[in-house]
Amino acid sequence: METWVNVFLALQAPVAMLFVSRQLMHYFQLESYQFQGYFRTLWRQKKKVLLPLLLLTAVHIAVWLAAAYFIGIAGDIRVENREVKKLLYAAVAFLLLAAFAFFMRLNAKKAPAKKAFVVTARVKRLYIVHFIVVVGLGLVIGLMPASAATMVLLFVYPMLLPLLVAVSALLALPIEKMIFRMYFKDAEKKLLQNKGLIRIGITGSYGKTSTKFVLNTILSQKYNVLCTPASFNTPMGVTRIVRERLQPSHQVFIGEMGARHVGEIKELSSLVHPQIGILTAVGPQHLDTFRTIERIEKTKYELIQALPDDGYAVFLNDDAIVTKLYEKTEKQKCLVGKEGSEVWAEDVKVSSTGSSFNLCFRDGEEIPCETRMLGEHNILNILTAAAVAKHLKLTGAQIARGVAALQPVEHRLQLLKSAGGVTVIDDAFNTNPRSAKKALDVLKAFPGRRIIVTPGMVELGAEEDKYNEEFGAYMADCVDIAVLVGKKHTAPIVKGLKEKGFRTENIHVVSSLDEAIRLNQTMLRSGDVVMYENDLPDHYSEG
């Protein structure tokens, strides 16, 4: 029975730790199970990580010492009862700490998450490995011969939880790689089995998701199209969509291809085997992982390199990196954007209800178009999609009908109805230097008092402060009131605003989006225009 007493005492911390692992697992999931990103998140969110662990450790020590004290008292009573009482005290201590940890987990779950934690099959496998690691190591420590070092290790064991999550993920990695390769090959086989399927890949530092939805809408005027939904743009995400949704009746597959590291577009291309490739932009996105623009350029061009000799490559003219990549490409290609390219727009008119323009092709065809989409960059996305549509033999009428059918993509310059005569523009999807300036141009074109709510930009590596300062400087001429979310993230924006002479009393720094919304409710009036520009995910939030 003495052994069971020791086991209960040894298992106190490990079982409690399992209840509070959820937030750490969530961070790992938000970082796409990348170890480097996970540890960066731990550093950014160190207070949110450390405080619960410190609290758990303190309660663990208190409960353990109390249990040890009462077990010592039990040793002084009659022989026939003391072992039972020792076991009872140890069991009560075990249950108390487990209950406390469970309460901590329930309390943490009440906090609203912008992107909810999803208990996928991968998470379940990780939890199994994590259980073995945490409980196994805890038992080893708890049952070691008593010494000062053992006691210290036993008491601080909960503080090791962030590292133990990483160790568990590392041990589970070979299993995940094996399962992924099996699913990957199955999806590749399914794509290639449909001999008539037109396979299209879209990549770029930004603009790829919007272009994908535009292309899907236009091509659907002629073809049965499957495109990856939302931001399903990782190898596992694309694999899952192909395996679960691709049918023999589909005529076109559009795969969005995202990347944070060199080689990831090449991997996605080996899955999709694209015949048409679209490159929307090369810019400072995910510089925290790519480190340099040159590495981003190399990665995005992997899509064009993967096209067959008779493939078709579409480039968005930026008079910079993308144009240079267009010029060096020897496959069949198309440059869209400015007049003089193969596809461009003329007579562009933008209003609060959308945009109208003439879609022009180098062969002389002109198509009058109207759309509810806002902003120059959305028109550029339409031009890119139109180039592919013309290549796939859609008529001018079909293209125009597709453009008219376009709906604003959720959280991307989306006009929302609001009470009290206030116009709300939702551009809260992850922003970048180029699209942020384009969004400000849209806001500037509106009459009335213009208000922006933004936390700034992230994932820009060492250049992040510079880009946010430039964002603030550009903002100064486009808005009347700036509501900035997060003191640390937005300090460079404040600097940029002030350097351009923006009135300090019109700069409001708040700690959370909820606080920004409450502030707006106190100062909004009829005729105001409010733009929500970017919304940081949970693992970047300062609140």
Protein backbone atom coordinates (compact mmCIF):
# COMPACT_ATOMS: atom_id res chain seq x y z
CA MET A 1 0.00 0.00 0.00
CA GLU A 2 2.97 2.30 0.60
CA THR A 3 3.70 2.10 -3.13
CA TRP A 4 0.23 3.40 -3.97
CA VAL A 5 0.74 6.32 -1.61
CA ASN A 6 3.90 7.27 -3.48
CA VAL A 7 2.19 6.81 -6.83
CA PHE A 8 -0.67 9.17 -5.90
CA LEU A 9 1.81 11.78 -4.71
CA ALA A 10 3.93 11.36 -7.85
CA LEU A 11 0.92 11.70 -10.16
CA GLN A 12 -0.41 14.92 -8.66
CA ALA A 13 1.53 17.28 -10.92
CA PRO A 14 1.44 15.19 -14.16
CA VAL A 15 -2.34 14.74 -14.14
CA ALA A 16 -2.91 18.41 -13.29
CA MET A 17 -0.53 19.43 -16.07
CA LEU A 18 -2.55 17.47 -18.63
CA PHE A 19 -5.59 19.64 -17.87
CA VAL A 20 -3.71 22.89 -18.52
CA SER A 21 -1.88 21.74 -21.67
CA ARG A 22 -4.74 22.90 -23.88
CA GLN A 23 -3.56 26.49 -24.35
CA LEU A 24 -0.06 25.33 -25.28
CA MET A 25 -1.51 22.84 -27.75
CA HIS A 26 -3.56 25.70 -29.20
CA TYR A 27 -0.45 27.82 -29.73
CA PHE A 28 1.22 24.88 -31.44
CA GLN A 29 -1.78 24.45 -33.74
CA LEU A 30 -1.94 28.16 -34.55
CA GLU A 31 1.69 27.98 -35.65
CA SER A 32 0.88 25.08 -38.02
CA TYR A 33 2.79 22.68 -35.76
CA GLN A 34 6.06 24.46 -36.51
CA PHE A 35 8.51 24.30 -33.57
CA GLN A 36 10.21 27.60 -34.35
CA GLY A 37 6.91 29.46 -34.47
CA TYR A 38 5.71 27.71 -31.30
CA PHE A 39 8.73 28.88 -29.30
CA ARG A 40 8.39 32.41 -30.70
CA THR A 41 4.77 32.43 -29.55
CA LEU A 42 5.78 31.24 -26.08
CA TRP A 43 8.19 34.16 -25.87
CA ARG A 44 5.61 36.69 -27.10
CA GLN A 45 2.96 35.33 -24.73
CA LYS A 46 5.29 34.60 -21.82
CA LYS A 47 3.00 36.21 -19.24
CA LYS A 48 -0.02 34.23 -20.41
CA VAL A 49 2.09 31.06 -20.37
CA LEU A 50 3.99 31.54 -17.12
CA LEU A 51 1.29 32.89 -14.79
CA PRO A 52 -1.00 29.81 -14.95
CA LEU A 53 2.03 27.52 -14.56
CA LEU A 54 3.29 29.49 -11.57
CA LEU A 55 -0.15 29.30 -9.99
CA LEU A 56 -0.37 25.56 -10.65
CA THR A 57 3.13 25.05 -9.24
CA ALA A 58 2.30 27.00 -6.06
CA VAL A 59 -0.90 25.03 -5.46
CA HIS A 60 0.93 21.78 -6.27
CA ILE A 61 3.59 22.51 -3.63
CA ALA A 62 0.98 23.51 -1.05
CA VAL A 63 -1.15 20.41 -1.63
CA TRP A 64 1.89 18.12 -1.67
CA LEU A 65 3.25 19.53 1.60
CA ALA A 66 -0.18 19.29 3.23
CA ALA A 67 -0.52 15.68 2.10
CA ALA A 68 2.97 14.88 3.40
CA TYR A 69 2.10 16.47 6.77
CA PHE A 70 -1.12 14.49 7.20
CA ILE A 71 0.57 11.29 6.06
CA GLY A 72 3.17 11.92 8.76
CA ILE A 73 0.39 12.27 11.35
CA ALA A 74 -1.15 9.05 10.08
CA GLY A 75 2.08 7.27 10.90
CA ASP A 76 1.49 7.87 14.60
CA ILE A 77 -1.89 6.12 14.85
CA ARG A 78 -2.78 2.45 15.23
CA VAL A 79 -1.00 0.09 12.85
CA GLU A 80 -4.17 -1.36 11.33
CA ASN A 81 -5.40 2.08 10.09
CA ARG A 82 -2.38 4.19 9.32
CA GLU A 83 -1.61 2.76 5.86
CA VAL A 84 -5.22 3.25 4.80
CA LYS A 85 -5.16 6.85 6.05
CA LYS A 86 -1.89 7.53 4.28
CA LEU A 87 -3.43 6.29 1.04
CA LEU A 88 -6.57 8.33 1.67
CA TYR A 89 -4.57 11.54 2.27
CA ALA A 90 -2.52 10.95 -0.87
CA ALA A 91 -5.66 10.26 -2.94
CA VAL A 92 -7.38 13.39 -1.63
CA ALA A 93 -4.29 15.46 -2.51
CA PHE A 94 -4.30 13.95 -5.99
CA LEU A 95 -7.97 14.77 -6.52
CA LEU A 96 -7.68 18.30 -5.12
CA LEU A 97 -4.88 19.29 -7.49
CA ALA A 98 -6.57 17.60 -10.45
CA ALA A 99 -9.82 19.44 -9.65
CA PHE A 100 -7.98 22.75 -9.38
CA ALA A 101 -6.27 22.20 -12.74
CA PHE A 102 -9.59 21.22 -14.31
CA PHE A 103 -11.10 24.47 -12.98
CA MET A 104 -8.19 26.39 -14.54
CA ARG A 105 -8.88 24.73 -17.88
CA LEU A 106 -12.59 25.54 -17.75
CA ASN A 107 -11.82 29.13 -16.88
CA ALA A 108 -9.33 29.40 -19.77
CA LYS A 109 -11.89 27.99 -22.23
CA LYS A 110 -14.28 30.84 -21.37
CA ALA A 111 -11.88 33.34 -22.97
CA PRO A 112 -13.08 33.93 -26.56
CA ALA A 113 -10.65 32.71 -29.22
CA LYS A 114 -10.50 34.31 -32.67
CA LYS A 115 -9.49 30.96 -34.12
CA ALA A 116 -10.82 28.14 -32.02
CA PHE A 117 -8.74 25.18 -30.95
CA VAL A 118 -9.80 22.21 -33.08
CA VAL A 119 -9.29 18.73 -31.64
CA THR A 120 -8.28 17.05 -34.89
CA ALA A 121 -7.00 13.50 -35.29
CA ARG A 122 -3.47 14.92 -35.14
CA VAL A 123 -4.21 16.70 -31.85
CA LYS A 124 -5.64 13.48 -30.40
CA ARG A 125 -2.48 11.59 -31.34
CA LEU A 126 -0.37 14.35 -29.84
CA TYR A 127 -2.37 14.20 -26.61
CA ILE A 128 -1.72 10.44 -26.35
CA VAL A 129 2.02 10.93 -26.72
CA HIS A 130 1.88 13.90 -24.37
CA PHE A 131 0.08 11.80 -21.75
CA ILE A 132 2.78 9.13 -21.93
CA VAL A 133 5.59 11.70 -21.70
CA VAL A 134 4.14 13.80 -18.86
CA VAL A 135 2.85 10.94 -16.72
CA GLY A 136 5.83 8.69 -17.39
CA LEU A 137 8.43 11.31 -16.56
CA GLY A 138 6.38 12.47 -13.56
CA LEU A 139 6.29 8.95 -12.16
CA VAL A 140 10.03 8.54 -12.65
CA ILE A 141 10.71 11.78 -10.77
CA GLY A 142 8.15 11.08 -8.05
CA LEU A 143 9.41 7.58 -7.34
CA MET A 144 13.10 8.48 -7.33
CA PRO A 145 14.96 8.10 -3.99
CA ALA A 146 14.35 11.12 -1.79
CA SER A 147 16.96 13.89 -2.06
CA ALA A 148 17.07 17.67 -2.18
CA ALA A 149 17.48 17.61 -5.98
CA THR A 150 14.54 15.23 -6.39
CA MET A 151 12.29 17.44 -4.26
CA VAL A 152 13.19 20.55 -6.24
CA LEU A 153 12.56 18.77 -9.54
CA LEU A 154 9.26 17.41 -8.23
CA PHE A 155 8.06 20.85 -7.19
CA VAL A 156 9.07 22.72 -10.37
CA TYR A 157 7.88 19.96 -12.70
CA PRO A 158 4.76 21.92 -13.87
CA MET A 159 7.02 24.72 -15.12
CA LEU A 160 8.45 22.28 -17.68
CA LEU A 161 5.09 21.88 -19.42
CA PRO A 162 5.82 24.13 -22.47
CA LEU A 163 8.99 22.14 -23.16
CA LEU A 164 7.18 18.83 -22.64
CA VAL A 165 4.58 19.78 -25.26
CA ALA A 166 7.42 20.35 -27.74
CA VAL A 167 9.10 17.06 -26.74
CA SER A 168 5.79 15.23 -27.22
CA ALA A 169 5.35 16.79 -30.66
CA LEU A 170 8.90 15.82 -31.59
CA LEU A 171 8.30 12.20 -30.55
CA ALA A 172 5.01 12.16 -32.50
CA LEU A 173 6.61 13.68 -35.60
CA PRO A 174 7.65 10.40 -37.32
CA ILE A 175 4.08 9.11 -36.97
CA GLU A 176 2.67 12.34 -38.39
CA LYS A 177 5.07 12.29 -41.33
CA MET A 178 4.13 8.71 -42.17
CA ILE A 179 0.39 9.44 -42.00
CA PHE A 180 0.79 12.66 -44.00
CA ARG A 181 2.74 10.96 -46.80
CA MET A 182 0.04 8.29 -47.05
CA TYR A 183 -2.71 10.92 -47.33
CA PHE A 184 -0.57 13.08 -49.64
CA LYS A 185 -0.02 10.24 -52.11
CA ASP A 186 -3.70 9.33 -52.02
CA ALA A 187 -4.70 12.92 -52.84
CA GLU A 188 -2.11 13.14 -55.63
CA LYS A 189 -3.42 9.91 -57.15
CA LYS A 190 -7.00 11.19 -56.96
CA LEU A 191 -6.08 14.42 -58.76
CA LEU A 192 -4.21 12.64 -61.55
CA GLN A 193 -6.88 9.99 -62.05
CA ASN A 194 -9.21 12.65 -63.47
CA LYS A 195 -7.53 12.95 -66.87
CA GLY A 196 -9.61 15.94 -68.01
CA LEU A 197 -9.17 17.94 -64.81
CA ILE A 198 -7.64 21.41 -65.28
CA ARG A 199 -5.34 22.01 -62.30
CA ILE A 200 -4.54 25.59 -61.28
CA GLY A 201 -2.12 26.75 -58.59
CA ILE A 202 -2.15 30.25 -57.06
CA THR A 203 0.59 31.69 -54.88
CA GLY A 204 1.91 35.07 -53.80
CA SER A 205 2.87 36.98 -50.70
CA TYR A 206 -0.63 38.45 -50.73
CA GLY A 207 -3.73 38.50 -52.91
CA LYS A 208 -3.84 34.76 -53.50
CA THR A 209 -6.97 34.00 -51.44
CA SER A 210 -8.99 36.84 -52.98
CA THR A 211 -7.79 35.93 -56.49
CA LYS A 212 -8.76 32.31 -55.85
CA PHE A 213 -12.34 33.22 -54.95
CA VAL A 214 -12.62 35.59 -57.92
CA LEU A 215 -11.30 32.92 -60.29
CA ASN A 216 -13.66 30.32 -58.86
CA THR A 217 -16.69 32.57 -59.41
CA ILE A 218 -15.74 33.47 -62.98
CA LEU A 219 -14.75 29.97 -64.11
CA SER A 220 -17.95 28.58 -62.59
CA GLN A 221 -19.83 30.32 -65.42
CA LYS A 222 -18.57 27.50 -67.67
CA TYR A 223 -16.97 24.77 -65.56
CA ASN A 224 -17.69 22.65 -62.49
CA VAL A 225 -14.99 24.03 -60.19
CA LEU A 226 -13.54 22.89 -56.87
CA CYS A 227 -11.32 25.36 -55.06
CA THR A 228 -9.72 25.10 -51.67
CA PRO A 229 -11.89 27.01 -49.15
CA ALA A 230 -10.90 29.84 -46.82
CA SER A 231 -7.15 29.75 -46.22
CA PHE A 232 -6.62 26.03 -46.80
CA ASN A 233 -3.24 26.54 -48.42
CA THR A 234 -0.86 24.15 -46.65
CA PRO A 235 0.09 20.68 -47.92
CA MET A 236 -2.13 19.06 -45.29
CA GLY A 237 -4.99 21.49 -45.95
CA VAL A 238 -4.95 20.97 -49.74
CA THR A 239 -4.55 17.22 -49.26
CA ARG A 240 -7.60 17.11 -47.04
CA ILE A 241 -9.79 19.05 -49.49
CA VAL A 242 -8.78 16.83 -52.41
CA ARG A 243 -9.44 13.62 -50.51
CA GLU A 244 -12.75 14.76 -49.03
CA ARG A 245 -14.31 16.89 -51.78
CA LEU A 246 -12.89 16.17 -55.23
CA GLN A 247 -15.40 14.34 -57.45
CA PRO A 248 -15.04 12.83 -60.96
CA SER A 249 -17.52 15.47 -62.18
CA HIS A 250 -15.17 18.35 -61.33
CA GLN A 251 -13.58 19.97 -64.37
CA VAL A 252 -11.28 22.50 -62.67
CA PHE A 253 -9.33 22.35 -59.41
CA ILE A 254 -7.95 25.59 -57.95
CA GLY A 255 -5.38 25.15 -55.22
CA GLU A 256 -4.14 28.06 -53.12
CA MET A 257 -0.49 27.59 -52.16
CA GLY A 258 0.88 29.29 -49.06
CA ALA A 259 4.37 29.05 -47.62
CA ARG A 260 6.49 30.14 -44.69
CA HIS A 261 9.65 28.30 -45.68
CA VAL A 262 11.67 27.67 -48.84
CA GLY A 263 10.52 24.47 -50.58
CA GLU A 264 6.90 24.49 -49.43
CA ILE A 265 5.49 25.67 -52.78
CA LYS A 266 7.55 22.97 -54.49
CA GLU A 267 5.96 20.39 -52.19
CA LEU A 268 2.45 21.68 -52.93
CA SER A 269 3.18 21.67 -56.65
CA SER A 270 4.25 18.03 -56.44
CA LEU A 271 0.78 17.32 -55.05
CA VAL A 272 -1.33 19.42 -57.44
CA HIS A 273 0.80 19.12 -60.62
CA PRO A 274 -0.56 22.48 -61.86
CA GLN A 275 -1.00 23.19 -65.56
CA ILE A 276 -1.74 26.88 -64.89
CA GLY A 277 0.14 28.94 -62.34
CA ILE A 278 -0.70 32.39 -60.99
CA LEU A 279 1.81 34.58 -59.15
CA THR A 280 0.09 37.54 -57.48
CA ALA A 281 2.91 39.25 -55.57
CA VAL A 282 6.31 38.94 -53.94
CA GLY A 283 6.70 41.10 -50.86
CA PRO A 284 7.60 41.29 -47.18
CA GLN A 285 5.19 38.69 -45.81
CA HIS A 286 6.41 36.09 -43.28
CA LEU A 287 9.83 37.70 -43.14
CA ASP A 288 10.12 36.29 -39.63
CA THR A 289 10.59 32.83 -41.17
CA PHE A 290 11.90 33.58 -44.67
CA ARG A 291 14.41 36.18 -43.40
CA THR A 292 14.96 37.77 -46.84
CA ILE A 293 12.89 38.88 -49.84
CA GLU A 294 15.19 36.81 -52.06
CA ARG A 295 14.12 33.62 -50.27
CA ILE A 296 10.46 34.60 -50.67
CA GLU A 297 11.03 35.22 -54.39
CA LYS A 298 12.70 31.84 -54.81
CA THR A 299 9.88 30.06 -53.02
CA LYS A 300 7.02 31.71 -54.91
CA TYR A 301 8.69 31.03 -58.26
CA GLU A 302 8.70 27.30 -57.43
CA LEU A 303 5.11 27.24 -58.73
CA ILE A 304 6.11 28.54 -62.16
CA GLN A 305 9.05 26.13 -62.31
CA ALA A 306 6.66 23.25 -61.61
CA LEU A 307 4.48 23.99 -64.66
CA PRO A 308 4.84 21.62 -67.62
CA ASP A 309 6.42 22.86 -70.86
CA ASP A 310 2.94 23.55 -72.28
CA GLY A 311 1.75 25.19 -69.05
CA TYR A 312 0.43 28.72 -68.70
CA ALA A 313 1.84 31.26 -66.23
CA VAL A 314 0.04 34.46 -65.18
CA PHE A 315 1.90 37.30 -63.45
CA LEU A 316 0.55 40.47 -61.85
CA ASN A 317 2.59 43.40 -63.16
CA ASP A 318 4.27 45.21 -60.25
CA ASP A 319 7.19 46.80 -62.14
CA ALA A 320 9.35 44.98 -59.62
CA ILE A 321 10.05 41.36 -58.63
CA VAL A 322 7.00 39.74 -60.24
CA THR A 323 7.60 41.56 -63.52
CA LYS A 324 11.23 40.44 -63.43
CA LEU A 325 10.11 36.83 -62.91
CA TYR A 326 7.69 37.20 -65.83
CA GLU A 327 10.50 38.38 -68.07
CA LYS A 328 12.75 35.44 -67.25
CA THR A 329 9.99 32.84 -67.76
CA GLU A 330 10.18 31.01 -71.11
CA LYS A 331 6.89 29.11 -70.83
CA GLN A 332 3.61 30.45 -72.22
CA LYS A 333 2.86 33.46 -70.05
CA CYS A 334 0.67 36.48 -69.48
CA LEU A 335 1.33 39.79 -67.69
CA VAL A 336 -1.70 41.63 -66.28
CA GLY A 337 -2.22 44.97 -64.60
CA LYS A 338 -1.13 48.16 -66.27
CA GLU A 339 -1.95 49.36 -69.77
CA GLY A 340 0.54 47.76 -72.11
CA SER A 341 0.25 44.39 -70.38
CA GLU A 342 -1.79 41.60 -71.93
CA VAL A 343 -4.79 42.42 -69.72
CA TRP A 344 -5.64 45.75 -68.06
CA ALA A 345 -8.56 47.95 -66.91
CA GLU A 346 -9.73 51.30 -68.24
CA ASP A 347 -12.31 53.87 -67.13
CA VAL A 348 -12.27 52.64 -63.52
CA LYS A 349 -14.94 54.13 -61.27
CA VAL A 350 -15.20 53.33 -57.54
CA SER A 351 -18.10 54.17 -55.21
CA SER A 352 -19.51 52.99 -51.90
CA THR A 353 -21.52 50.37 -53.80
CA GLY A 354 -18.62 48.84 -55.74
CA SER A 355 -16.61 49.38 -58.92
CA SER A 356 -17.06 49.54 -62.67
CA PHE A 357 -14.43 49.35 -65.42
CA ASN A 358 -13.67 48.19 -68.94
CA LEU A 359 -11.74 44.92 -69.06
CA CYS A 360 -9.24 45.19 -71.94
CA PHE A 361 -7.24 42.48 -73.72
CA ARG A 362 -4.30 42.98 -76.04
CA ASP A 363 -6.21 41.29 -78.88
CA GLY A 364 -8.62 44.27 -78.84
CA GLU A 365 -11.51 42.74 -76.92
CA GLU A 366 -13.15 45.02 -74.33
CA ILE A 367 -15.67 43.85 -71.74
CA PRO A 368 -17.69 46.35 -69.64
CA CYS A 369 -17.74 45.06 -66.05
CA GLU A 370 -19.46 45.96 -62.79
CA THR A 371 -18.74 44.47 -59.37
CA ARG A 372 -19.49 45.01 -55.70
CA MET A 373 -15.77 44.60 -54.95
CA LEU A 374 -13.94 47.66 -53.60
CA GLY A 375 -10.40 48.83 -54.22
CA GLU A 376 -7.78 48.87 -56.96
CA HIS A 377 -6.20 45.65 -55.76
CA ASN A 378 -9.52 43.81 -56.12
CA ILE A 379 -9.73 44.97 -59.73
CA LEU A 380 -6.20 43.65 -60.24
CA ASN A 381 -7.34 40.30 -58.82
CA ILE A 382 -10.22 40.31 -61.32
CA LEU A 383 -7.80 41.03 -64.20
CA THR A 384 -5.65 38.08 -63.15
CA ALA A 385 -8.66 35.76 -63.06
CA ALA A 386 -9.92 37.12 -66.38
CA ALA A 387 -6.59 36.25 -68.03
CA VAL A 388 -7.02 32.62 -66.97
CA ALA A 389 -10.69 32.64 -67.98
CA LYS A 390 -9.86 33.86 -71.50
CA HIS A 391 -7.11 31.24 -71.78
CA LEU A 392 -9.74 28.61 -70.89
CA LYS A 393 -12.06 29.88 -73.65
CA LEU A 394 -14.73 31.64 -71.62
CA THR A 395 -16.68 34.18 -73.65
CA GLY A 396 -16.78 37.89 -72.86
CA ALA A 397 -20.38 37.51 -71.68
CA GLN A 398 -19.43 34.67 -69.32
CA ILE A 399 -16.56 36.70 -67.87
CA ALA A 400 -18.74 39.78 -67.36
CA ARG A 401 -21.44 37.65 -65.71
CA GLY A 402 -18.85 36.13 -63.40
CA VAL A 403 -17.49 39.55 -62.44
CA ALA A 404 -21.00 40.79 -61.68
CA ALA A 405 -21.64 37.72 -59.51
CA LEU A 406 -18.60 38.39 -57.30
CA GLN A 407 -19.29 38.93 -53.62
CA PRO A 408 -16.85 40.72 -51.31
CA VAL A 409 -14.69 38.14 -49.57
CA GLU A 410 -15.31 37.99 -45.84
CA HIS A 411 -12.97 40.32 -43.90
CA ARG A 412 -11.44 41.72 -47.11
CA LEU A 413 -12.77 45.24 -47.75
CA GLN A 414 -16.23 43.92 -46.99
CA LEU A 415 -18.95 46.58 -46.70
CA LEU A 416 -21.19 45.87 -43.72
CA LYS A 417 -24.54 47.34 -42.75
CA SER A 418 -24.53 49.36 -39.57
CA ALA A 419 -27.09 51.33 -37.61
CA GLY A 420 -27.14 55.10 -37.27
CA GLY A 421 -25.90 55.97 -40.75
CA VAL A 422 -22.38 54.63 -40.11
CA THR A 423 -20.51 52.81 -42.89
CA VAL A 424 -18.35 49.88 -41.74
CA ILE A 425 -15.58 48.38 -43.88
CA ASP A 426 -14.29 45.03 -42.62
CA ASP A 427 -10.72 44.47 -43.81
CA ALA A 428 -9.71 42.45 -40.77
CA PHE A 429 -8.00 39.58 -42.57
CA ASN A 430 -4.23 39.40 -42.05
CA THR A 431 -2.85 42.48 -43.77
CA ASN A 432 0.50 43.38 -45.30
CA PRO A 433 2.27 46.61 -46.36
CA ARG A 434 0.81 46.71 -49.86
CA SER A 435 -2.80 45.80 -49.09
CA ALA A 436 -2.81 48.08 -46.01
CA LYS A 437 -1.99 51.09 -48.19
CA LYS A 438 -4.57 50.04 -50.78
CA ALA A 439 -7.17 49.76 -48.01
CA LEU A 440 -6.29 53.27 -46.80
CA ASP A 441 -6.76 54.55 -50.35
CA VAL A 442 -10.26 53.08 -50.33
CA LEU A 443 -11.04 54.68 -46.97
CA LYS A 444 -9.70 58.05 -48.14
CA ALA A 445 -12.11 58.06 -51.08
CA PHE A 446 -15.16 58.00 -48.78
CA PRO A 447 -16.84 61.24 -47.69
CA GLY A 448 -17.46 61.94 -44.04
CA ARG A 449 -15.31 61.40 -40.96
CA ARG A 450 -12.95 58.45 -41.49
CA ILE A 451 -11.93 56.21 -38.58
CA ILE A 452 -9.50 53.31 -38.66
CA VAL A 453 -9.21 50.54 -36.05
CA THR A 454 -6.01 48.53 -36.39
CA PRO A 455 -3.35 46.65 -34.39
CA GLY A 456 -0.80 47.11 -37.17
CA MET A 457 1.06 44.34 -39.00
CA VAL A 458 3.00 41.30 -37.79
CA GLU A 459 5.19 38.51 -39.20
CA LEU A 460 7.47 41.06 -40.88
CA GLY A 461 10.64 40.04 -39.06
CA ALA A 462 13.25 42.68 -38.28
CA GLU A 463 11.50 45.10 -40.66
CA GLU A 464 8.22 45.07 -38.74
CA ASP A 465 8.67 48.39 -36.93
CA LYS A 466 9.77 50.11 -40.14
CA TYR A 467 6.71 48.93 -42.08
CA ASN A 468 4.34 49.87 -39.25
CA GLU A 469 5.89 53.33 -39.04
CA GLU A 470 5.40 53.76 -42.80
CA PHE A 471 1.83 52.52 -42.34
CA GLY A 472 1.24 55.27 -39.74
CA ALA A 473 2.78 57.94 -41.97
CA TYR A 474 0.58 56.91 -44.91
CA MET A 475 -2.44 56.73 -42.61
CA ALA A 476 -2.05 60.36 -41.53
CA ASP A 477 -3.42 61.67 -44.83
CA CYS A 478 -6.25 59.11 -45.10
CA VAL A 479 -8.02 59.08 -41.73
CA ASP A 480 -9.41 61.55 -39.22
CA ILE A 481 -9.26 59.32 -36.14
CA ALA A 482 -6.89 56.40 -35.47
CA VAL A 483 -7.86 53.75 -32.90
CA LEU A 484 -4.81 51.57 -32.34
CA VAL A 485 -5.04 48.19 -30.61
CA GLY A 486 -2.05 47.23 -28.45
CA LYS A 487 0.53 49.65 -27.09
CA LYS A 488 3.62 47.66 -28.12
CA HIS A 489 2.52 46.71 -31.65
CA THR A 490 1.29 50.17 -32.51
CA ALA A 491 4.07 52.34 -31.09
CA PRO A 492 5.72 52.63 -34.56
CA ILE A 493 2.33 53.59 -36.07
CA VAL A 494 1.98 56.38 -33.50
CA LYS A 495 5.48 57.56 -34.41
CA GLY A 496 4.62 57.63 -38.13
CA LEU A 497 1.37 59.52 -37.49
CA LYS A 498 3.04 62.16 -35.33
CA GLU A 499 5.90 62.69 -37.78
CA LYS A 500 3.28 63.62 -40.38
CA GLY A 501 1.64 66.12 -38.02
CA PHE A 502 -1.42 64.03 -37.16
CA ARG A 503 -3.26 65.50 -34.19
CA THR A 504 -2.38 63.64 -30.98
CA GLU A 505 -5.90 64.00 -29.56
CA ASN A 506 -7.20 61.95 -32.51
CA ILE A 507 -4.93 58.99 -31.67
CA HIS A 508 -6.49 56.48 -29.27
CA VAL A 509 -4.47 53.48 -28.06
CA VAL A 510 -6.52 50.69 -26.50
CA SER A 511 -5.65 47.25 -25.18
CA SER A 512 -8.12 45.09 -27.11
CA LEU A 513 -10.55 45.03 -30.01
CA ASP A 514 -13.47 44.92 -27.56
CA GLU A 515 -12.22 48.14 -25.97
CA ALA A 516 -11.90 49.71 -29.44
CA ILE A 517 -15.50 48.79 -30.26
CA ARG A 518 -16.72 50.27 -26.97
CA LEU A 519 -14.77 53.46 -27.68
CA ASN A 520 -16.29 53.74 -31.16
CA GLN A 521 -19.78 53.41 -29.72
CA THR A 522 -19.17 56.57 -27.69
CA MET A 523 -17.95 58.75 -30.56
CA LEU A 524 -19.52 57.52 -33.82
CA ARG A 525 -22.10 59.66 -35.58
CA SER A 526 -24.12 59.52 -38.78
CA GLY A 527 -21.99 59.79 -41.90
CA ASP A 528 -18.85 58.29 -40.30
CA VAL A 529 -16.87 55.55 -42.04
CA VAL A 530 -15.09 52.97 -39.87
CA MET A 531 -12.50 50.56 -41.26
CA TYR A 532 -11.30 47.56 -39.25
CA GLU A 533 -7.87 46.91 -40.72
CA ASN A 534 -6.26 43.62 -39.63
CA ASP A 535 -7.05 41.60 -36.54
CA LEU A 536 -4.16 39.82 -34.87
CA PRO A 537 -4.56 36.12 -34.06
CA ASP A 538 -4.62 35.04 -30.42
CA HIS A 539 -0.91 34.20 -30.26
CA TYR A 540 -0.03 37.82 -31.20
CA SER A 541 -2.59 39.56 -29.01
CA GLU A 542 -1.32 41.84 -26.23
CA GLY A 543 -4.59 41.71 -24.31
